[in-house]
Amino acid sequence: MKIVVIGGIGGMGRVTVRDLSENPEVKEILIADYQEEKAKESAASFKDPRIKGAFVDAYNIDETANLIKGYDAVCNTAQFDVNIHVMKACLQAGVHNYNDLAGLFYMTQKQTGLFGDFKKAGATAVLSCGVCAGITNVMARYAYDRLDEVNEVHFESAGVDLTDTKGIDVFRPSFALTTIMRESVQEPVEFINGDYKTQPLFSGEEVVNFPKPLGPIRCARCIHAELATVPVSFKDKGVKEVTFRINLGADTEEVSRCLYRVGMASERPIKVHGVEVVPLEVLCAVVNRELEEKLEGVDVKLDIVKCHRARVIGKKDGKKIEYIIYTITRPHSRWGVYAATGVTPSIVAQMQVKGMIREPGVWGPEQVVNPEYFFKELAKREIYIKSEIKENITEE
């Protein structure tokens, strides 16, 4: 089993590499990243001869194809800008197994346009293999399998940061700042009454009662990748409504909305003192520098608690049933980092190479990932899935 991790020095890419490294059946892991020196340093830090580092410009399809040729699978953990390019490189190189961390909504839709190419090549791509989207999709599939009809699917996500920063005032985004800002500038899309509808930014706020230790939290609409595949996947059981709501945490929401209003989420270059810069890139660089400088040498133990859940409403034997499937995640006790997003591509890639996901084409995880097996693998990584069922005994 030989696997490439594109973007392998990123926060989640590192977790994917670490998870793969703990399986002795994985014979080779290639950390491929635009930052070649850091990729090689990261590989060397494992002190494991199976792990190597290499340069990749994932926008360059020919070079990427040459690099990944001969590997069994590619986990693409880079920013979603390169998703289409890496998929085309897999086709060119004859790599039959691909997965990624999602593409918000529109990129994921574009990726499904490669279905015919992957099917013809006998290759399989599984999109949106993170937590949310990713684990949430498979949660919804778990309920789908147990219902005769599926009428509504509602995805909800929130978190609280309980990390003790020793009194240091520093802004720490709840996840990748690039993704947060991109979610802040694109109008949300929902599937309502059997059709897609665009909604206003930050609209539809409602209180969601999450399990403890979170409790009631206000969540609002946000563009997300689940919406790109689930309405199609569940069409055969009559789904008419699919929504997504999230709370990023008080600090993150306040800061991201303010930065969006002043234009720092823009990816349109601007000249400053004769130098062309991209506002979003500058923002990310500044935030990362502040984090590194302010917390350097400070013993900070990460303590982030998140809840991701899928509520699926439908019917079984004529009775109205509501499934609430959820997971509460914290940093991995042994690795010391928030790992849920990064372990999913590793698990899915291993399932792909073992032949457990073999249908050629381009799929959402809810279409091809076996929930029971997947949930057992998550439990090995300290990620536990729980379910609640609400049932109407008589028809309304």
Protein backbone atom coordinates (compact mmCIF):
# COMPACT_ATOMS: atom_id res chain seq x y z
CA MET A 1 0.00 0.00 0.00
CA LYS A 2 1.70 3.19 -1.25
CA ILE A 3 -0.06 6.48 -0.60
CA VAL A 4 0.64 10.13 -1.48
CA VAL A 5 -0.53 12.97 0.77
CA ILE A 6 -0.78 16.20 -1.25
CA GLY A 7 -0.44 19.23 1.03
CA GLY A 8 1.06 16.93 3.62
CA ILE A 9 2.67 19.64 5.77
CA GLY A 10 -0.64 21.38 6.49
CA GLY A 11 -2.40 20.93 9.80
CA MET A 12 -4.67 18.15 8.60
CA GLY A 13 -2.16 16.70 6.12
CA ARG A 14 0.24 16.02 8.99
CA VAL A 15 -2.51 14.10 10.79
CA THR A 16 -3.24 12.07 7.66
CA VAL A 17 0.44 11.14 7.39
CA ARG A 18 0.65 10.24 11.07
CA ASP A 19 -2.44 8.04 10.87
CA LEU A 20 -1.16 6.24 7.77
CA SER A 21 2.21 5.70 9.45
CA GLU A 22 0.58 3.75 12.28
CA ASN A 23 -0.57 1.03 9.88
CA PRO A 24 2.29 -1.38 9.05
CA GLU A 25 0.43 -2.41 5.89
CA VAL A 26 1.24 1.02 4.45
CA LYS A 27 4.62 0.44 2.81
CA GLU A 28 5.32 3.97 1.56
CA ILE A 29 4.00 7.47 2.31
CA LEU A 30 4.98 10.46 0.19
CA ILE A 31 4.49 13.90 1.71
CA ALA A 32 4.09 16.14 -1.35
CA ASP A 33 3.95 19.89 -0.87
CA TYR A 34 4.86 23.14 -2.61
CA GLN A 35 7.17 23.87 0.33
CA GLU A 36 9.73 21.19 -0.51
CA GLU A 37 12.10 21.81 2.39
CA LYS A 38 9.30 21.61 4.96
CA ALA A 39 7.96 18.46 3.30
CA LYS A 40 11.35 16.78 3.65
CA GLU A 41 11.79 18.04 7.21
CA SER A 42 8.37 16.70 8.14
CA ALA A 43 9.17 13.32 6.60
CA ALA A 44 12.50 13.15 8.44
CA SER A 45 10.84 14.00 11.77
CA PHE A 46 9.01 10.65 11.72
CA LYS A 47 12.31 8.75 11.62
CA ASP A 48 10.52 6.19 9.47
CA PRO A 49 12.12 5.01 6.21
CA ARG A 50 8.66 4.53 4.67
CA ILE A 51 8.00 8.29 4.74
CA LYS A 52 9.55 10.61 2.16
CA GLY A 53 9.07 14.26 1.23
CA ALA A 54 8.92 15.85 -2.21
CA PHE A 55 8.05 19.05 -4.04
CA VAL A 56 4.75 19.32 -5.89
CA ASP A 57 3.05 22.16 -7.70
CA ALA A 58 -0.43 20.67 -7.70
CA TYR A 59 -1.58 23.17 -10.32
CA ASN A 60 0.82 21.52 -12.77
CA ILE A 61 -1.04 18.41 -13.88
CA ASP A 62 1.83 16.86 -15.87
CA GLU A 63 4.40 17.24 -13.09
CA THR A 64 1.95 16.02 -10.45
CA ALA A 65 1.09 12.99 -12.58
CA ASN A 66 4.77 12.10 -12.95
CA LEU A 67 5.26 12.37 -9.19
CA ILE A 68 2.31 10.19 -8.16
CA LYS A 69 2.67 7.51 -10.85
CA GLY A 70 2.98 4.05 -9.31
CA TYR A 71 1.16 4.93 -6.08
CA ASP A 72 -2.03 3.19 -4.97
CA ALA A 73 -3.90 6.23 -3.66
CA VAL A 74 -3.76 10.00 -3.31
CA CYS A 75 -5.10 11.86 -0.28
CA ASN A 76 -5.47 15.49 -1.31
CA THR A 77 -5.37 17.56 1.89
CA ALA A 78 -4.41 20.84 0.19
CA GLN A 79 -6.73 23.82 -0.25
CA PHE A 80 -9.56 22.97 -2.62
CA ASP A 81 -8.27 25.21 -5.42
CA VAL A 82 -6.20 22.27 -6.69
CA ASN A 83 -8.84 19.54 -6.44
CA ILE A 84 -9.65 19.35 -10.15
CA HIS A 85 -5.95 19.48 -11.08
CA VAL A 86 -5.02 16.63 -8.74
CA MET A 87 -7.95 14.53 -9.96
CA LYS A 88 -6.82 14.99 -13.56
CA ALA A 89 -3.25 14.11 -12.54
CA CYS A 90 -4.54 10.85 -11.02
CA LEU A 91 -6.29 9.99 -14.27
CA GLN A 92 -3.15 10.78 -16.26
CA ALA A 93 -0.89 8.79 -13.93
CA GLY A 94 -3.19 5.77 -13.68
CA VAL A 95 -3.71 6.20 -9.92
CA HIS A 96 -7.06 4.53 -9.25
CA ASN A 97 -7.89 5.94 -5.81
CA TYR A 98 -8.37 9.62 -4.92
CA ASN A 99 -9.95 11.46 -1.98
CA ASP A 100 -9.92 15.03 -0.65
CA LEU A 101 -11.10 17.26 2.19
CA ALA A 102 -13.99 18.86 0.22
CA GLY A 103 -14.46 21.90 -1.95
CA LEU A 104 -17.07 23.96 -0.14
CA PHE A 105 -20.01 23.64 -2.55
CA TYR A 106 -19.25 24.82 -6.06
CA MET A 107 -15.88 23.09 -6.39
CA THR A 108 -17.41 19.80 -5.24
CA GLN A 109 -20.11 20.17 -7.88
CA LYS A 110 -17.45 20.79 -10.54
CA GLN A 111 -15.54 17.71 -9.42
CA THR A 112 -18.57 15.49 -9.93
CA GLY A 113 -18.35 16.52 -13.58
CA LEU A 114 -15.35 14.16 -13.87
CA PHE A 115 -17.56 11.15 -13.08
CA GLY A 116 -17.46 9.81 -16.63
CA ASP A 117 -13.68 10.16 -16.88
CA PHE A 118 -13.13 8.26 -13.63
CA LYS A 119 -15.64 5.58 -14.56
CA LYS A 120 -13.99 5.06 -17.95
CA ALA A 121 -10.58 4.80 -16.27
CA GLY A 122 -11.86 2.33 -13.65
CA ALA A 123 -10.82 4.83 -10.97
CA THR A 124 -12.63 5.96 -7.83
CA ALA A 125 -12.73 9.45 -6.33
CA VAL A 126 -14.35 10.05 -2.95
CA LEU A 127 -14.96 13.75 -2.31
CA SER A 128 -15.37 15.61 0.98
CA CYS A 129 -13.49 13.24 3.28
CA GLY A 130 -13.10 15.44 6.33
CA VAL A 131 -15.32 15.78 9.38
CA CYS A 132 -17.86 18.28 8.20
CA ALA A 133 -18.21 17.49 5.31
CA GLY A 134 -17.15 13.86 5.51
CA ILE A 135 -18.07 12.11 8.73
CA THR A 136 -21.35 14.06 8.68
CA ASN A 137 -22.21 12.64 5.25
CA VAL A 138 -21.69 9.08 6.47
CA MET A 139 -23.79 9.82 9.57
CA ALA A 140 -26.64 10.80 7.26
CA ARG A 141 -26.12 7.60 5.27
CA TYR A 142 -26.47 5.58 8.49
CA ALA A 143 -29.98 7.00 8.96
CA TYR A 144 -30.80 6.73 5.24
CA ASP A 145 -30.15 2.98 5.38
CA ARG A 146 -32.70 2.59 8.16
CA LEU A 147 -35.56 4.59 6.67
CA ASP A 148 -38.06 3.85 3.91
CA GLU A 149 -38.39 7.55 3.11
CA VAL A 150 -35.97 10.43 3.70
CA ASN A 151 -37.69 13.82 3.71
CA GLU A 152 -35.19 16.16 5.39
CA VAL A 153 -31.47 16.20 6.24
CA HIS A 154 -30.07 18.94 8.48
CA PHE A 155 -26.34 19.26 9.19
CA GLU A 156 -25.27 21.26 12.25
CA SER A 157 -21.84 22.06 13.63
CA ALA A 158 -20.42 24.07 16.52
CA GLY A 159 -17.47 24.14 18.87
CA VAL A 160 -15.97 25.77 21.94
CA ASP A 161 -12.29 26.49 22.52
CA LEU A 162 -11.39 25.77 26.14
CA THR A 163 -7.64 26.06 25.59
CA ASP A 164 -5.75 27.84 28.35
CA THR A 165 -3.47 30.31 26.53
CA LYS A 166 -1.88 31.43 29.83
CA GLY A 167 -3.45 34.88 29.63
CA ILE A 168 -1.95 35.64 26.21
CA ASP A 169 -4.35 37.56 23.99
CA VAL A 170 -4.11 35.89 20.61
CA PHE A 171 -6.65 35.11 17.89
CA ARG A 172 -6.81 31.39 17.12
CA PRO A 173 -9.18 30.43 14.29
CA SER A 174 -11.35 27.37 14.92
CA PHE A 175 -9.98 25.80 11.70
CA ALA A 176 -8.11 26.86 8.53
CA LEU A 177 -8.51 30.63 8.21
CA THR A 178 -8.51 30.46 4.40
CA THR A 179 -11.54 28.19 4.52
CA ILE A 180 -13.29 30.31 7.15
CA MET A 181 -12.93 33.47 5.09
CA ARG A 182 -14.04 31.77 1.90
CA GLU A 183 -17.13 30.50 3.68
CA SER A 184 -17.74 34.09 4.82
CA VAL A 185 -17.92 35.58 1.31
CA GLN A 186 -19.97 33.01 -0.58
CA GLU A 187 -23.74 33.06 -0.19
CA PRO A 188 -25.09 29.84 1.35
CA VAL A 189 -26.92 27.35 -0.82
CA GLU A 190 -29.71 25.15 0.55
CA PHE A 191 -31.86 22.42 -0.97
CA ILE A 192 -35.46 23.47 -0.30
CA ASN A 193 -38.65 21.90 -1.70
CA GLY A 194 -36.57 19.77 -4.04
CA ASP A 195 -34.51 22.61 -5.51
CA TYR A 196 -31.36 24.60 -4.74
CA LYS A 197 -31.87 28.10 -3.36
CA THR A 198 -29.26 30.76 -2.61
CA GLN A 199 -29.64 32.43 0.78
CA PRO A 200 -28.21 35.65 2.29
CA LEU A 201 -24.87 35.51 4.12
CA PHE A 202 -25.10 34.69 7.86
CA SER A 203 -28.89 34.24 7.60
CA GLY A 204 -31.29 31.73 9.14
CA GLU A 205 -29.84 31.98 12.62
CA GLU A 206 -31.42 29.59 15.09
CA VAL A 207 -30.57 28.03 18.44
CA VAL A 208 -29.39 24.43 18.19
CA ASN A 209 -29.43 22.30 21.35
CA PHE A 210 -26.14 20.42 21.18
CA PRO A 211 -25.15 17.77 23.76
CA LYS A 212 -23.04 18.77 26.73
CA PRO A 213 -20.53 20.33 27.15
CA LEU A 214 -21.74 22.59 24.33
CA GLY A 215 -25.45 23.11 25.07
CA PRO A 216 -27.64 25.65 23.20
CA ILE A 217 -25.66 27.54 20.53
CA ARG A 218 -26.79 29.93 17.81
CA CYS A 219 -25.99 28.64 14.32
CA ALA A 220 -26.43 30.28 10.92
CA ARG A 221 -26.42 29.22 7.29
CA CYS A 222 -23.07 28.65 5.61
CA ILE A 223 -22.03 27.33 2.21
CA HIS A 224 -20.87 23.72 2.58
CA ALA A 225 -19.98 20.64 0.56
CA GLU A 226 -22.59 18.28 2.03
CA LEU A 227 -25.19 20.15 0.00
CA ALA A 228 -23.39 19.34 -3.26
CA THR A 229 -23.87 15.57 -3.05
CA VAL A 230 -26.45 14.53 -0.43
CA PRO A 231 -29.55 15.80 -2.31
CA VAL A 232 -28.45 13.70 -5.29
CA SER A 233 -27.50 10.68 -3.19
CA PHE A 234 -30.80 10.58 -1.30
CA LYS A 235 -33.06 11.48 -4.22
CA ASP A 236 -34.36 7.92 -4.56
CA LYS A 237 -35.95 8.12 -1.08
CA GLY A 238 -37.63 11.44 -1.81
CA VAL A 239 -35.46 13.98 0.00
CA LYS A 240 -36.89 17.50 -0.34
CA GLU A 241 -34.82 19.52 2.10
CA VAL A 242 -31.10 19.57 2.97
CA THR A 243 -29.59 22.37 5.08
CA PHE A 244 -26.39 23.27 6.87
CA ARG A 245 -25.84 25.57 9.85
CA ILE A 246 -22.70 26.32 11.84
CA ASN A 247 -21.28 28.36 14.69
CA LEU A 248 -17.55 28.99 14.36
CA GLY A 249 -17.11 30.19 17.93
CA ALA A 250 -17.65 33.71 19.26
CA ASP A 251 -14.16 35.05 18.52
CA THR A 252 -13.90 33.48 15.08
CA GLU A 253 -17.35 34.64 13.98
CA GLU A 254 -16.82 38.18 15.23
CA VAL A 255 -13.39 38.53 13.64
CA SER A 256 -14.26 36.82 10.34
CA ARG A 257 -17.35 38.96 9.78
CA CYS A 258 -15.42 42.14 10.51
CA LEU A 259 -12.56 41.14 8.20
CA TYR A 260 -15.04 40.21 5.49
CA ARG A 261 -16.66 43.65 5.72
CA VAL A 262 -13.32 45.45 5.26
CA GLY A 263 -12.32 43.26 2.31
CA MET A 264 -9.63 41.05 3.84
CA ALA A 265 -11.32 37.92 2.49
CA SER A 266 -10.70 39.13 -1.07
CA GLU A 267 -8.49 37.05 -3.34
CA ARG A 268 -8.27 39.84 -5.91
CA PRO A 269 -4.70 41.23 -5.95
CA ILE A 270 -4.07 44.81 -4.89
CA LYS A 271 -0.92 46.92 -5.14
CA VAL A 272 0.52 48.25 -1.88
CA HIS A 273 3.58 50.51 -2.25
CA GLY A 274 4.15 49.06 -5.69
CA VAL A 275 3.96 45.43 -4.51
CA GLU A 276 1.07 43.26 -5.62
CA VAL A 277 -0.46 41.28 -2.75
CA VAL A 278 -3.58 39.19 -2.16
CA PRO A 279 -5.51 40.40 0.93
CA LEU A 280 -6.48 36.88 2.07
CA GLU A 281 -2.89 35.64 1.78
CA VAL A 282 -1.63 38.64 3.79
CA LEU A 283 -4.28 38.03 6.44
CA CYS A 284 -3.34 34.36 6.85
CA ALA A 285 0.37 35.18 7.01
CA VAL A 286 -0.17 37.82 9.71
CA VAL A 287 -2.43 35.60 11.83
CA ASN A 288 0.04 32.70 11.62
CA ARG A 289 2.95 34.98 12.56
CA GLU A 290 1.08 36.34 15.57
CA LEU A 291 0.25 32.83 16.72
CA GLU A 292 3.82 31.60 16.38
CA GLU A 293 5.43 34.63 18.02
CA LYS A 294 3.00 35.08 20.90
CA LEU A 295 2.84 31.39 21.81
CA GLU A 296 6.50 30.52 21.21
CA GLY A 297 7.86 28.66 24.22
CA VAL A 298 4.48 28.71 25.96
CA ASP A 299 3.20 25.33 27.15
CA VAL A 300 -0.29 25.36 25.64
CA LYS A 301 -2.38 22.21 25.69
CA LEU A 302 -5.02 22.31 22.97
CA ASP A 303 -8.56 21.80 24.27
CA ILE A 304 -11.13 22.29 21.53
CA VAL A 305 -14.52 20.59 21.80
CA LYS A 306 -16.65 20.28 18.65
CA CYS A 307 -19.96 18.66 17.86
CA HIS A 308 -20.94 17.72 14.32
CA ARG A 309 -24.28 16.12 13.68
CA ALA A 310 -26.80 15.07 11.06
CA ARG A 311 -30.54 15.13 11.71
CA VAL A 312 -32.41 12.95 9.26
CA ILE A 313 -36.21 12.98 9.18
CA GLY A 314 -38.22 10.40 7.30
CA LYS A 315 -40.51 7.40 7.66
CA LYS A 316 -40.17 3.74 8.55
CA ASP A 317 -43.15 1.41 8.24
CA GLY A 318 -45.42 4.45 7.91
CA LYS A 319 -44.17 6.08 11.13
CA LYS A 320 -42.33 9.40 11.24
CA ILE A 321 -38.79 8.89 12.50
CA GLU A 322 -36.05 11.42 13.28
CA TYR A 323 -32.45 10.21 13.61
CA ILE A 324 -29.90 12.46 15.31
CA ILE A 325 -26.42 11.09 14.68
CA TYR A 326 -23.51 13.03 16.16
CA THR A 327 -19.93 13.02 17.31
CA ILE A 328 -18.22 15.11 19.97
CA THR A 329 -14.54 15.50 19.15
CA ARG A 330 -11.53 16.71 21.13
CA PRO A 331 -7.78 16.71 20.47
CA HIS A 332 -6.27 13.24 20.18
CA SER A 333 -4.96 12.20 23.60
CA ARG A 334 -1.68 10.83 22.22
CA TRP A 335 -1.06 13.17 19.30
CA GLY A 336 -2.07 16.37 21.10
CA VAL A 337 -3.78 17.84 18.03
CA TYR A 338 -7.33 18.04 16.71
CA ALA A 339 -7.25 14.98 14.47
CA ALA A 340 -10.79 14.21 13.30
CA THR A 341 -10.53 15.95 9.95
CA GLY A 342 -7.14 14.48 9.10
CA VAL A 343 -7.80 10.83 9.95
CA THR A 344 -10.78 10.54 7.60
CA PRO A 345 -8.75 10.70 4.34
CA SER A 346 -6.41 8.07 5.78
CA ILE A 347 -9.25 5.70 6.66
CA VAL A 348 -10.97 6.18 3.30
CA ALA A 349 -7.73 5.71 1.33
CA GLN A 350 -7.03 2.46 3.15
CA MET A 351 -10.58 1.28 2.43
CA GLN A 352 -10.10 2.18 -1.22
CA VAL A 353 -6.81 0.32 -1.60
CA LYS A 354 -8.22 -2.74 0.20
CA GLY A 355 -11.05 -2.87 -2.34
CA MET A 356 -13.77 -1.90 0.13
CA ILE A 357 -14.61 1.12 -2.06
CA ARG A 358 -14.21 0.06 -5.65
CA GLU A 359 -17.11 1.45 -7.71
CA PRO A 360 -15.55 3.59 -10.49
CA GLY A 361 -16.69 7.20 -10.65
CA VAL A 362 -16.79 10.30 -8.45
CA TRP A 363 -18.77 9.98 -5.25
CA GLY A 364 -19.78 11.69 -2.05
CA PRO A 365 -18.76 9.65 1.02
CA GLU A 366 -22.40 8.92 1.81
CA GLN A 367 -22.60 6.95 -1.45
CA VAL A 368 -19.69 4.53 -1.04
CA VAL A 369 -18.40 4.48 2.57
CA ASN A 370 -19.82 1.68 4.73
CA PRO A 371 -21.01 3.44 7.93
CA GLU A 372 -20.56 0.55 10.36
CA TYR A 373 -16.98 -0.23 9.31
CA PHE A 374 -16.08 3.46 9.10
CA PHE A 375 -17.47 4.24 12.55
CA LYS A 376 -15.45 1.37 14.06
CA GLU A 377 -12.30 2.78 12.47
CA LEU A 378 -13.10 6.23 13.84
CA ALA A 379 -13.51 4.76 17.33
CA LYS A 380 -9.94 3.44 17.11
CA ARG A 381 -8.93 7.10 16.70
CA GLU A 382 -10.98 8.31 19.72
CA ILE A 383 -13.85 9.57 17.55
CA TYR A 384 -17.14 8.08 18.72
CA ILE A 385 -20.48 8.21 16.90
CA LYS A 386 -23.74 8.31 18.84
CA SER A 387 -27.36 8.14 17.74
CA GLU A 388 -30.72 9.25 19.12
CA ILE A 389 -34.07 8.26 17.63
CA LYS A 390 -37.35 10.16 17.95
CA GLU A 391 -40.40 8.24 16.81
CA ASN A 392 -44.06 9.05 16.27
CA ILE A 393 -46.04 5.99 17.29
CA THR A 394 -49.06 7.05 15.25
CA GLU A 395 -49.29 8.92 11.96
CA GLU A 396 -49.83 12.70 12.29
